[in-house]
Amino acid sequence: MTTQAPPTNPSDDSLIEYPCQFPIKVMGANIVGFTAAMIEVACSFDPTFDSASVELRESKGGKFLGVTLNVRATSRAQLDDIYRALTSHPMVKIVL
């Protein structure tokens, strides 16, 4: 007779120790308002978000802009919610 292990909580499977600073890279068109919109999303999930920590990188041709948001992650559920909000944002092309 074999015994099954009890179901695990998905948050217990994480290799991330919460809370922590967590970088999220977002790519979108290099247009006015893109960075501000990404900061607004970050602030809605992390009230301690520091916009001075944002890193920007233009694509070689200047058509796209990479924005790195360093959020304070408190749980896997919070990170999942941030990723969902960013990937569904109309200005976002890619979230890493």
PDB file of N, CA and C in Angstrom:
ATOM      1  N   MET A   1       0.836  -1.166   0.000  1.00  0.00           N
ATOM      2  CA  MET A   1       0.000   0.000   0.000  1.00  0.00           C
ATOM      3  C   MET A   1       0.894   1.246   0.000  1.00  0.00           C
ATOM      4  N   THR A   2       0.609   2.168  -0.902  1.00  0.00           N
ATOM      5  CA  THR A   2       1.382   3.404  -0.972  1.00  0.00           C
ATOM      6  C   THR A   2       0.554   4.542  -0.415  1.00  0.00           C
ATOM      7  N   THR A   3       1.237   5.471   0.184  1.00  0.00           N
ATOM      8  CA  THR A   3       0.538   6.647   0.693  1.00  0.00           C
ATOM      9  C   THR A   3       0.896   7.837  -0.166  1.00  0.00           C
ATOM     10  N   GLN A   4      -0.062   8.698  -0.361  1.00  0.00           N
ATOM     11  CA  GLN A   4       0.159   9.894  -1.158  1.00  0.00           C
ATOM     12  C   GLN A   4       0.534  11.048  -0.251  1.00  0.00           C
ATOM     13  N   ALA A   5       1.402  11.867  -0.765  1.00  0.00           N
ATOM     14  CA  ALA A   5       1.780  13.061  -0.016  1.00  0.00           C
ATOM     15  C   ALA A   5       0.603  14.025  -0.003  1.00  0.00           C
ATOM     16  N   PRO A   6       0.472  14.790   1.051  1.00  0.00           N
ATOM     17  CA  PRO A   6      -0.630  15.760   1.083  1.00  0.00           C
ATOM     18  C   PRO A   6      -0.436  16.814  -0.001  1.00  0.00           C
ATOM     19  N   PRO A   7      -1.526  17.381  -0.509  1.00  0.00           N
ATOM     20  CA  PRO A   7      -1.401  18.408  -1.538  1.00  0.00           C
ATOM     21  C   PRO A   7      -0.563  19.571  -1.009  1.00  0.00           C
ATOM     22  N   THR A   8       0.234  20.118  -1.883  1.00  0.00           N
ATOM     23  CA  THR A   8       1.072  21.235  -1.474  1.00  0.00           C
ATOM     24  C   THR A   8       0.446  22.548  -1.898  1.00  0.00           C
ATOM     25  N   ASN A   9       0.753  23.560  -1.161  1.00  0.00           N
ATOM     26  CA  ASN A   9       0.305  24.909  -1.478  1.00  0.00           C
ATOM     27  C   ASN A   9       1.248  25.465  -2.537  1.00  0.00           C
ATOM     28  N   PRO A  10       0.741  25.987  -3.687  1.00  0.00           N
ATOM     29  CA  PRO A  10       1.628  26.495  -4.734  1.00  0.00           C
ATOM     30  C   PRO A  10       2.608  27.550  -4.227  1.00  0.00           C
ATOM     31  N   SER A  11       2.205  28.325  -3.226  1.00  0.00           N
ATOM     32  CA  SER A  11       3.122  29.347  -2.722  1.00  0.00           C
ATOM     33  C   SER A  11       4.288  28.716  -1.967  1.00  0.00           C
ATOM     34  N   ASP A  12       4.118  27.480  -1.479  1.00  0.00           N
ATOM     35  CA  ASP A  12       5.209  26.793  -0.794  1.00  0.00           C
ATOM     36  C   ASP A  12       6.259  26.293  -1.779  1.00  0.00           C
ATOM     37  N   ASP A  13       5.919  26.176  -3.054  1.00  0.00           N
ATOM     38  CA  ASP A  13       6.837  25.675  -4.067  1.00  0.00           C
ATOM     39  C   ASP A  13       7.788  26.754  -4.579  1.00  0.00           C
ATOM     40  N   SER A  14       7.598  27.979  -4.181  1.00  0.00           N
ATOM     41  CA  SER A  14       8.389  29.090  -4.680  1.00  0.00           C
ATOM     42  C   SER A  14       9.809  29.056  -4.130  1.00  0.00           C
ATOM     43  N   LEU A  15      10.759  29.423  -4.977  1.00  0.00           N
ATOM     44  CA  LEU A  15      12.147  29.548  -4.550  1.00  0.00           C
ATOM     45  C   LEU A  15      12.436  30.949  -4.033  1.00  0.00           C
ATOM     46  N   ILE A  16      11.457  31.813  -4.129  1.00  0.00           N
ATOM     47  CA  ILE A  16      11.606  33.202  -3.710  1.00  0.00           C
ATOM     48  C   ILE A  16      11.217  33.313  -2.234  1.00  0.00           C
ATOM     49  N   GLU A  17      12.029  34.027  -1.479  1.00  0.00           N
ATOM     50  CA  GLU A  17      11.696  34.298  -0.082  1.00  0.00           C
ATOM     51  C   GLU A  17      11.062  35.679   0.006  1.00  0.00           C
ATOM     52  N   TYR A  18       9.840  35.724   0.496  1.00  0.00           N
ATOM     53  CA  TYR A  18       9.093  36.982   0.596  1.00  0.00           C
ATOM     54  C   TYR A  18       9.219  37.558   1.994  1.00  0.00           C
ATOM     55  N   PRO A  19       9.188  38.858   2.127  1.00  0.00           N
ATOM     56  CA  PRO A  19       9.186  39.871   1.079  1.00  0.00           C
ATOM     57  C   PRO A  19      10.590  40.071   0.498  1.00  0.00           C
ATOM     58  N   CYS A  20      10.634  40.581  -0.742  1.00  0.00           N
ATOM     59  CA  CYS A  20      11.910  40.842  -1.398  1.00  0.00           C
ATOM     60  C   CYS A  20      11.710  41.865  -2.520  1.00  0.00           C
ATOM     61  N   GLN A  21      12.808  42.445  -2.962  1.00  0.00           N
ATOM     62  CA  GLN A  21      12.763  43.313  -4.138  1.00  0.00           C
ATOM     63  C   GLN A  21      12.807  42.396  -5.352  1.00  0.00           C
ATOM     64  N   PHE A  22      11.920  42.626  -6.312  1.00  0.00           N
ATOM     65  CA  PHE A  22      11.794  41.739  -7.459  1.00  0.00           C
ATOM     66  C   PHE A  22      11.739  42.570  -8.740  1.00  0.00           C
ATOM     67  N   PRO A  23      12.705  42.388  -9.649  1.00  0.00           N
ATOM     68  CA  PRO A  23      12.689  43.158 -10.900  1.00  0.00           C
ATOM     69  C   PRO A  23      11.741  42.544 -11.934  1.00  0.00           C
ATOM     70  N   ILE A  24      10.927  43.388 -12.536  1.00  0.00           N
ATOM     71  CA  ILE A  24      10.035  42.966 -13.614  1.00  0.00           C
ATOM     72  C   ILE A  24      10.370  43.826 -14.831  1.00  0.00           C
ATOM     73  N   LYS A  25      10.686  43.169 -15.953  1.00  0.00           N
ATOM     74  CA  LYS A  25      11.032  43.893 -17.168  1.00  0.00           C
ATOM     75  C   LYS A  25       9.815  43.941 -18.089  1.00  0.00           C
ATOM     76  N   VAL A  26       9.515  45.143 -18.556  1.00  0.00           N
ATOM     77  CA  VAL A  26       8.346  45.365 -19.404  1.00  0.00           C
ATOM     78  C   VAL A  26       8.815  46.057 -20.677  1.00  0.00           C
ATOM     79  N   MET A  27       8.344  45.566 -21.822  1.00  0.00           N
ATOM     80  CA  MET A  27       8.685  46.188 -23.106  1.00  0.00           C
ATOM     81  C   MET A  27       7.419  46.737 -23.757  1.00  0.00           C
ATOM     82  N   GLY A  28       7.566  47.909 -24.358  1.00  0.00           N
ATOM     83  CA  GLY A  28       6.458  48.519 -25.076  1.00  0.00           C
ATOM     84  C   GLY A  28       6.993  49.534 -26.065  1.00  0.00           C
ATOM     85  N   ALA A  29       6.085  50.154 -26.805  1.00  0.00           N
ATOM     86  CA  ALA A  29       6.486  51.185 -27.757  1.00  0.00           C
ATOM     87  C   ALA A  29       7.091  52.361 -26.993  1.00  0.00           C
ATOM     88  N   ASN A  30       8.107  52.958 -27.577  1.00  0.00           N
ATOM     89  CA  ASN A  30       8.779  54.104 -26.956  1.00  0.00           C
ATOM     90  C   ASN A  30       7.948  55.355 -27.235  1.00  0.00           C
ATOM     91  N   ILE A  31       6.867  55.490 -26.463  1.00  0.00           N
ATOM     92  CA  ILE A  31       5.951  56.624 -26.649  1.00  0.00           C
ATOM     93  C   ILE A  31       5.784  57.373 -25.329  1.00  0.00           C
ATOM     94  N   VAL A  32       5.355  58.615 -25.443  1.00  0.00           N
ATOM     95  CA  VAL A  32       5.111  59.430 -24.260  1.00  0.00           C
ATOM     96  C   VAL A  32       4.038  58.753 -23.407  1.00  0.00           C
ATOM     97  N   GLY A  33       4.304  58.640 -22.125  1.00  0.00           N
ATOM     98  CA  GLY A  33       3.329  58.080 -21.200  1.00  0.00           C
ATOM     99  C   GLY A  33       3.533  56.615 -20.862  1.00  0.00           C
ATOM    100  N   PHE A  34       4.381  55.909 -21.625  1.00  0.00           N
ATOM    101  CA  PHE A  34       4.573  54.476 -21.368  1.00  0.00           C
ATOM    102  C   PHE A  34       5.182  54.245 -19.985  1.00  0.00           C
ATOM    103  N   THR A  35       6.269  54.940 -19.691  1.00  0.00           N
ATOM    104  CA  THR A  35       6.930  54.757 -18.395  1.00  0.00           C
ATOM    105  C   THR A  35       5.993  55.127 -17.246  1.00  0.00           C
ATOM    106  N   ALA A  36       5.296  56.234 -17.369  1.00  0.00           N
ATOM    107  CA  ALA A  36       4.366  56.668 -16.313  1.00  0.00           C
ATOM    108  C   ALA A  36       3.260  55.635 -16.104  1.00  0.00           C
ATOM    109  N   ALA A  37       2.767  55.040 -17.179  1.00  0.00           N
ATOM    110  CA  ALA A  37       1.714  54.032 -17.065  1.00  0.00           C
ATOM    111  C   ALA A  37       2.222  52.785 -16.346  1.00  0.00           C
ATOM    112  N   MET A  38       3.474  52.394 -16.614  1.00  0.00           N
ATOM    113  CA  MET A  38       4.040  51.215 -15.956  1.00  0.00           C
ATOM    114  C   MET A  38       4.284  51.491 -14.475  1.00  0.00           C
ATOM    115  N   ILE A  39       4.717  52.715 -14.154  1.00  0.00           N
ATOM    116  CA  ILE A  39       4.911  53.103 -12.755  1.00  0.00           C
ATOM    117  C   ILE A  39       3.574  53.092 -12.017  1.00  0.00           C
ATOM    118  N   GLU A  40       2.527  53.535 -12.681  1.00  0.00           N
ATOM    119  CA  GLU A  40       1.193  53.538 -12.075  1.00  0.00           C
ATOM    120  C   GLU A  40       0.747  52.115 -11.728  1.00  0.00           C
ATOM    121  N   VAL A  41       0.992  51.170 -12.630  1.00  0.00           N
ATOM    122  CA  VAL A  41       0.632  49.774 -12.359  1.00  0.00           C
ATOM    123  C   VAL A  41       1.439  49.259 -11.165  1.00  0.00           C
ATOM    124  N   ALA A  42       2.740  49.524 -11.160  1.00  0.00           N
ATOM    125  CA  ALA A  42       3.595  49.063 -10.060  1.00  0.00           C
ATOM    126  C   ALA A  42       3.116  49.636  -8.727  1.00  0.00           C
ATOM    127  N   CYS A  43       2.791  50.912  -8.710  1.00  0.00           N
ATOM    128  CA  CYS A  43       2.330  51.569  -7.479  1.00  0.00           C
ATOM    129  C   CYS A  43       1.007  50.998  -6.980  1.00  0.00           C
ATOM    130  N   SER A  44       0.176  50.524  -7.906  1.00  0.00           N
ATOM    131  CA  SER A  44      -1.117  49.982  -7.485  1.00  0.00           C
ATOM    132  C   SER A  44      -0.967  48.659  -6.729  1.00  0.00           C
ATOM    133  N   PHE A  45       0.165  47.970  -6.910  1.00  0.00           N
ATOM    134  CA  PHE A  45       0.408  46.706  -6.218  1.00  0.00           C
ATOM    135  C   PHE A  45       1.461  46.826  -5.113  1.00  0.00           C
ATOM    136  N   ASP A  46       2.261  47.896  -5.175  1.00  0.00           N
ATOM    137  CA  ASP A  46       3.325  48.105  -4.197  1.00  0.00           C
ATOM    138  C   ASP A  46       3.312  49.566  -3.766  1.00  0.00           C
ATOM    139  N   PRO A  47       2.624  49.868  -2.657  1.00  0.00           N
ATOM    140  CA  PRO A  47       2.542  51.258  -2.212  1.00  0.00           C
ATOM    141  C   PRO A  47       3.897  51.866  -1.846  1.00  0.00           C
ATOM    142  N   THR A  48       4.915  51.028  -1.652  1.00  0.00           N
ATOM    143  CA  THR A  48       6.253  51.528  -1.325  1.00  0.00           C
ATOM    144  C   THR A  48       7.128  51.681  -2.571  1.00  0.00           C
ATOM    145  N   PHE A  49       6.550  51.479  -3.757  1.00  0.00           N
ATOM    146  CA  PHE A  49       7.331  51.516  -5.001  1.00  0.00           C
ATOM    147  C   PHE A  49       8.056  52.850  -5.143  1.00  0.00           C
ATOM    148  N   ASP A  50       9.337  52.775  -5.478  1.00  0.00           N
ATOM    149  CA  ASP A  50      10.173  53.959  -5.649  1.00  0.00           C
ATOM    150  C   ASP A  50      10.424  54.173  -7.145  1.00  0.00           C
ATOM    151  N   SER A  51       9.795  55.189  -7.717  1.00  0.00           N
ATOM    152  CA  SER A  51       9.943  55.436  -9.156  1.00  0.00           C
ATOM    153  C   SER A  51      11.377  55.793  -9.539  1.00  0.00           C
ATOM    154  N   ALA A  52      12.195  56.195  -8.560  1.00  0.00           N
ATOM    155  CA  ALA A  52      13.603  56.488  -8.846  1.00  0.00           C
ATOM    156  C   ALA A  52      14.389  55.212  -9.154  1.00  0.00           C
ATOM    157  N   SER A  53      13.848  54.056  -8.799  1.00  0.00           N
ATOM    158  CA  SER A  53      14.533  52.786  -9.058  1.00  0.00           C
ATOM    159  C   SER A  53      14.265  52.243 -10.467  1.00  0.00           C
ATOM    160  N   VAL A  54      13.405  52.897 -11.222  1.00  0.00           N
ATOM    161  CA  VAL A  54      13.052  52.439 -12.562  1.00  0.00           C
ATOM    162  C   VAL A  54      14.264  52.564 -13.487  1.00  0.00           C
ATOM    163  N   GLU A  55      14.510  51.500 -14.242  1.00  0.00           N
ATOM    164  CA  GLU A  55      15.590  51.509 -15.223  1.00  0.00           C
ATOM    165  C   GLU A  55      14.980  51.485 -16.612  1.00  0.00           C
ATOM    166  N   LEU A  56      15.507  52.337 -17.506  1.00  0.00           N
ATOM    167  CA  LEU A  56      14.996  52.438 -18.872  1.00  0.00           C
ATOM    168  C   LEU A  56      16.077  52.036 -19.868  1.00  0.00           C
ATOM    169  N   ARG A  57      15.654  51.359 -20.922  1.00  0.00           N
ATOM    170  CA  ARG A  57      16.588  50.987 -21.978  1.00  0.00           C
ATOM    171  C   ARG A  57      15.856  50.988 -23.310  1.00  0.00           C
ATOM    172  N   GLU A  58      16.320  51.842 -24.213  1.00  0.00           N
ATOM    173  CA  GLU A  58      15.727  51.903 -25.551  1.00  0.00           C
ATOM    174  C   GLU A  58      16.268  50.777 -26.417  1.00  0.00           C
ATOM    175  N   SER A  59      15.440  50.337 -27.368  1.00  0.00           N
ATOM    176  CA  SER A  59      15.905  49.357 -28.338  1.00  0.00           C
ATOM    177  C   SER A  59      16.917  50.037 -29.262  1.00  0.00           C
ATOM    178  N   LYS A  60      17.641  49.249 -30.001  1.00  0.00           N
ATOM    179  CA  LYS A  60      18.684  49.783 -30.879  1.00  0.00           C
ATOM    180  C   LYS A  60      18.135  50.839 -31.834  1.00  0.00           C
ATOM    181  N   GLY A  61      16.986  50.595 -32.388  1.00  0.00           N
ATOM    182  CA  GLY A  61      16.379  51.539 -33.324  1.00  0.00           C
ATOM    183  C   GLY A  61      15.565  52.631 -32.652  1.00  0.00           C
ATOM    184  N   GLY A  62      15.370  52.513 -31.327  1.00  0.00           N
ATOM    185  CA  GLY A  62      14.627  53.520 -30.583  1.00  0.00           C
ATOM    186  C   GLY A  62      13.120  53.389 -30.657  1.00  0.00           C
ATOM    187  N   LYS A  63      12.625  52.347 -31.317  1.00  0.00           N
ATOM    188  CA  LYS A  63      11.179  52.159 -31.481  1.00  0.00           C
ATOM    189  C   LYS A  63      10.518  51.617 -30.202  1.00  0.00           C
ATOM    190  N   PHE A  64      11.282  50.847 -29.426  1.00  0.00           N
ATOM    191  CA  PHE A  64      10.748  50.223 -28.215  1.00  0.00           C
ATOM    192  C   PHE A  64      11.521  50.684 -26.990  1.00  0.00           C
ATOM    193  N   LEU A  65      10.869  50.545 -25.832  1.00  0.00           N
ATOM    194  CA  LEU A  65      11.482  50.928 -24.576  1.00  0.00           C
ATOM    195  C   LEU A  65      11.315  49.791 -23.578  1.00  0.00           C
ATOM    196  N   GLY A  66      12.412  49.427 -22.937  1.00  0.00           N
ATOM    197  CA  GLY A  66      12.385  48.450 -21.865  1.00  0.00           C
ATOM    198  C   GLY A  66      12.371  49.184 -20.532  1.00  0.00           C
ATOM    199  N   VAL A  67      11.458  48.807 -19.671  1.00  0.00           N
ATOM    200  CA  VAL A  67      11.326  49.433 -18.357  1.00  0.00           C
ATOM    201  C   VAL A  67      11.472  48.330 -17.310  1.00  0.00           C
ATOM    202  N   THR A  68      12.427  48.497 -16.405  1.00  0.00           N
ATOM    203  CA  THR A  68      12.581  47.548 -15.301  1.00  0.00           C
ATOM    204  C   THR A  68      11.976  48.171 -14.054  1.00  0.00           C
ATOM    205  N   LEU A  69      10.977  47.473 -13.507  1.00  0.00           N
ATOM    206  CA  LEU A  69      10.278  47.913 -12.305  1.00  0.00           C
ATOM    207  C   LEU A  69      10.750  47.040 -11.146  1.00  0.00           C
ATOM    208  N   ASN A  70      11.325  47.637 -10.135  1.00  0.00           N
ATOM    209  CA  ASN A  70      11.786  46.891  -8.957  1.00  0.00           C
ATOM    210  C   ASN A  70      10.720  46.998  -7.871  1.00  0.00           C
ATOM    211  N   VAL A  71       9.843  45.998  -7.834  1.00  0.00           N
ATOM    212  CA  VAL A  71       8.731  46.018  -6.891  1.00  0.00           C
ATOM    213  C   VAL A  71       9.081  45.242  -5.623  1.00  0.00           C
ATOM    214  N   ARG A  72       8.416  45.581  -4.547  1.00  0.00           N
ATOM    215  CA  ARG A  72       8.555  44.829  -3.293  1.00  0.00           C
ATOM    216  C   ARG A  72       7.520  43.712  -3.345  1.00  0.00           C
ATOM    217  N   ALA A  73       7.997  42.507  -3.578  1.00  0.00           N
ATOM    218  CA  ALA A  73       7.113  41.349  -3.681  1.00  0.00           C
ATOM    219  C   ALA A  73       6.830  40.804  -2.289  1.00  0.00           C
ATOM    220  N   THR A  74       5.555  40.649  -1.976  1.00  0.00           N
ATOM    221  CA  THR A  74       5.162  40.130  -0.670  1.00  0.00           C
ATOM    222  C   THR A  74       4.599  38.711  -0.745  1.00  0.00           C
ATOM    223  N   SER A  75       4.230  38.255  -1.948  1.00  0.00           N
ATOM    224  CA  SER A  75       3.698  36.899  -2.104  1.00  0.00           C
ATOM    225  C   SER A  75       3.678  36.527  -3.585  1.00  0.00           C
ATOM    226  N   ARG A  76       3.542  35.246  -3.822  1.00  0.00           N
ATOM    227  CA  ARG A  76       3.428  34.774  -5.201  1.00  0.00           C
ATOM    228  C   ARG A  76       2.131  35.296  -5.833  1.00  0.00           C
ATOM    229  N   ALA A  77       1.072  35.339  -5.046  1.00  0.00           N
ATOM    230  CA  ALA A  77      -0.207  35.834  -5.553  1.00  0.00           C
ATOM    231  C   ALA A  77      -0.078  37.295  -6.000  1.00  0.00           C
ATOM    232  N   GLN A  78       0.637  38.103  -5.229  1.00  0.00           N
ATOM    233  CA  GLN A  78       0.838  39.503  -5.610  1.00  0.00           C
ATOM    234  C   GLN A  78       1.612  39.582  -6.923  1.00  0.00           C
ATOM    235  N   LEU A  79       2.685  38.799  -7.068  1.00  0.00           N
ATOM    236  CA  LEU A  79       3.460  38.814  -8.313  1.00  0.00           C
ATOM    237  C   LEU A  79       2.601  38.366  -9.492  1.00  0.00           C
ATOM    238  N   ASP A  80       1.796  37.329  -9.291  1.00  0.00           N
ATOM    239  CA  ASP A  80       0.899  36.865 -10.356  1.00  0.00           C
ATOM    240  C   ASP A  80      -0.060  37.976 -10.770  1.00  0.00           C
ATOM    241  N   ASP A  81      -0.594  38.708  -9.797  1.00  0.00           N
ATOM    242  CA  ASP A  81      -1.515  39.816 -10.092  1.00  0.00           C
ATOM    243  C   ASP A  81      -0.818  40.935 -10.857  1.00  0.00           C
ATOM    244  N   ILE A  82       0.421  41.246 -10.476  1.00  0.00           N
ATOM    245  CA  ILE A  82       1.180  42.282 -11.192  1.00  0.00           C
ATOM    246  C   ILE A  82       1.415  41.854 -12.631  1.00  0.00           C
ATOM    247  N   TYR A  83       1.845  40.607 -12.834  1.00  0.00           N
ATOM    248  CA  TYR A  83       2.086  40.112 -14.197  1.00  0.00           C
ATOM    249  C   TYR A  83       0.813  40.141 -15.031  1.00  0.00           C
ATOM    250  N   ARG A  84      -0.311  39.757 -14.436  1.00  0.00           N
ATOM    251  CA  ARG A  84      -1.585  39.789 -15.176  1.00  0.00           C
ATOM    252  C   ARG A  84      -1.943  41.214 -15.575  1.00  0.00           C
ATOM    253  N   ALA A  85      -1.774  42.163 -14.644  1.00  0.00           N
ATOM    254  CA  ALA A  85      -2.099  43.563 -14.939  1.00  0.00           C
ATOM    255  C   ALA A  85      -1.198  44.110 -16.042  1.00  0.00           C
ATOM    256  N   LEU A  86       0.086  43.781 -15.985  1.00  0.00           N
ATOM    257  CA  LEU A  86       1.011  44.285 -17.001  1.00  0.00           C
ATOM    258  C   LEU A  86       0.779  43.643 -18.366  1.00  0.00           C
ATOM    259  N   THR A  87       0.599  42.320 -18.403  1.00  0.00           N
ATOM    260  CA  THR A  87       0.416  41.660 -19.692  1.00  0.00           C
ATOM    261  C   THR A  87      -0.899  42.048 -20.365  1.00  0.00           C
ATOM    262  N   SER A  88      -1.890  42.456 -19.583  1.00  0.00           N
ATOM    263  CA  SER A  88      -3.165  42.860 -20.169  1.00  0.00           C
ATOM    264  C   SER A  88      -3.215  44.353 -20.500  1.00  0.00           C
ATOM    265  N   HIS A  89      -2.177  45.088 -20.125  1.00  0.00           N
ATOM    266  CA  HIS A  89      -2.144  46.532 -20.388  1.00  0.00           C
ATOM    267  C   HIS A  89      -1.978  46.769 -21.892  1.00  0.00           C
ATOM    268  N   PRO A  90      -2.775  47.657 -22.478  1.00  0.00           N
ATOM    269  CA  PRO A  90      -2.720  47.863 -23.936  1.00  0.00           C
ATOM    270  C   PRO A  90      -1.397  48.418 -24.458  1.00  0.00           C
ATOM    271  N   MET A  91      -0.588  49.030 -23.616  1.00  0.00           N
ATOM    272  CA  MET A  91       0.685  49.588 -24.088  1.00  0.00           C
ATOM    273  C   MET A  91       1.836  48.586 -24.032  1.00  0.00           C
ATOM    274  N   VAL A  92       1.611  47.433 -23.400  1.00  0.00           N
ATOM    275  CA  VAL A  92       2.674  46.452 -23.160  1.00  0.00           C
ATOM    276  C   VAL A  92       2.743  45.429 -24.279  1.00  0.00           C
ATOM    277  N   LYS A  93       3.990  45.176 -24.725  1.00  0.00           N
ATOM    278  CA  LYS A  93       4.230  44.126 -25.727  1.00  0.00           C
ATOM    279  C   LYS A  93       4.692  42.832 -25.056  1.00  0.00           C
ATOM    280  N   ILE A  94       5.632  42.945 -24.099  1.00  0.00           N
ATOM    281  CA  ILE A  94       6.226  41.763 -23.452  1.00  0.00           C
ATOM    282  C   ILE A  94       6.497  42.076 -21.980  1.00  0.00           C
ATOM    283  N   VAL A  95       6.292  41.063 -21.120  1.00  0.00           N
ATOM    284  CA  VAL A  95       6.653  41.173 -19.703  1.00  0.00           C
ATOM    285  C   VAL A  95       7.551  39.993 -19.359  1.00  0.00           C
ATOM    286  N   LEU A  96       8.682  40.278 -18.746  1.00  0.00           N
ATOM    287  CA  LEU A  96       9.625  39.228 -18.332  1.00  0.00           C
ATOM    288  C   LEU A  96       9.842  39.309 -16.838  1.00  0.00           C
TER     289      LEU A  96
END
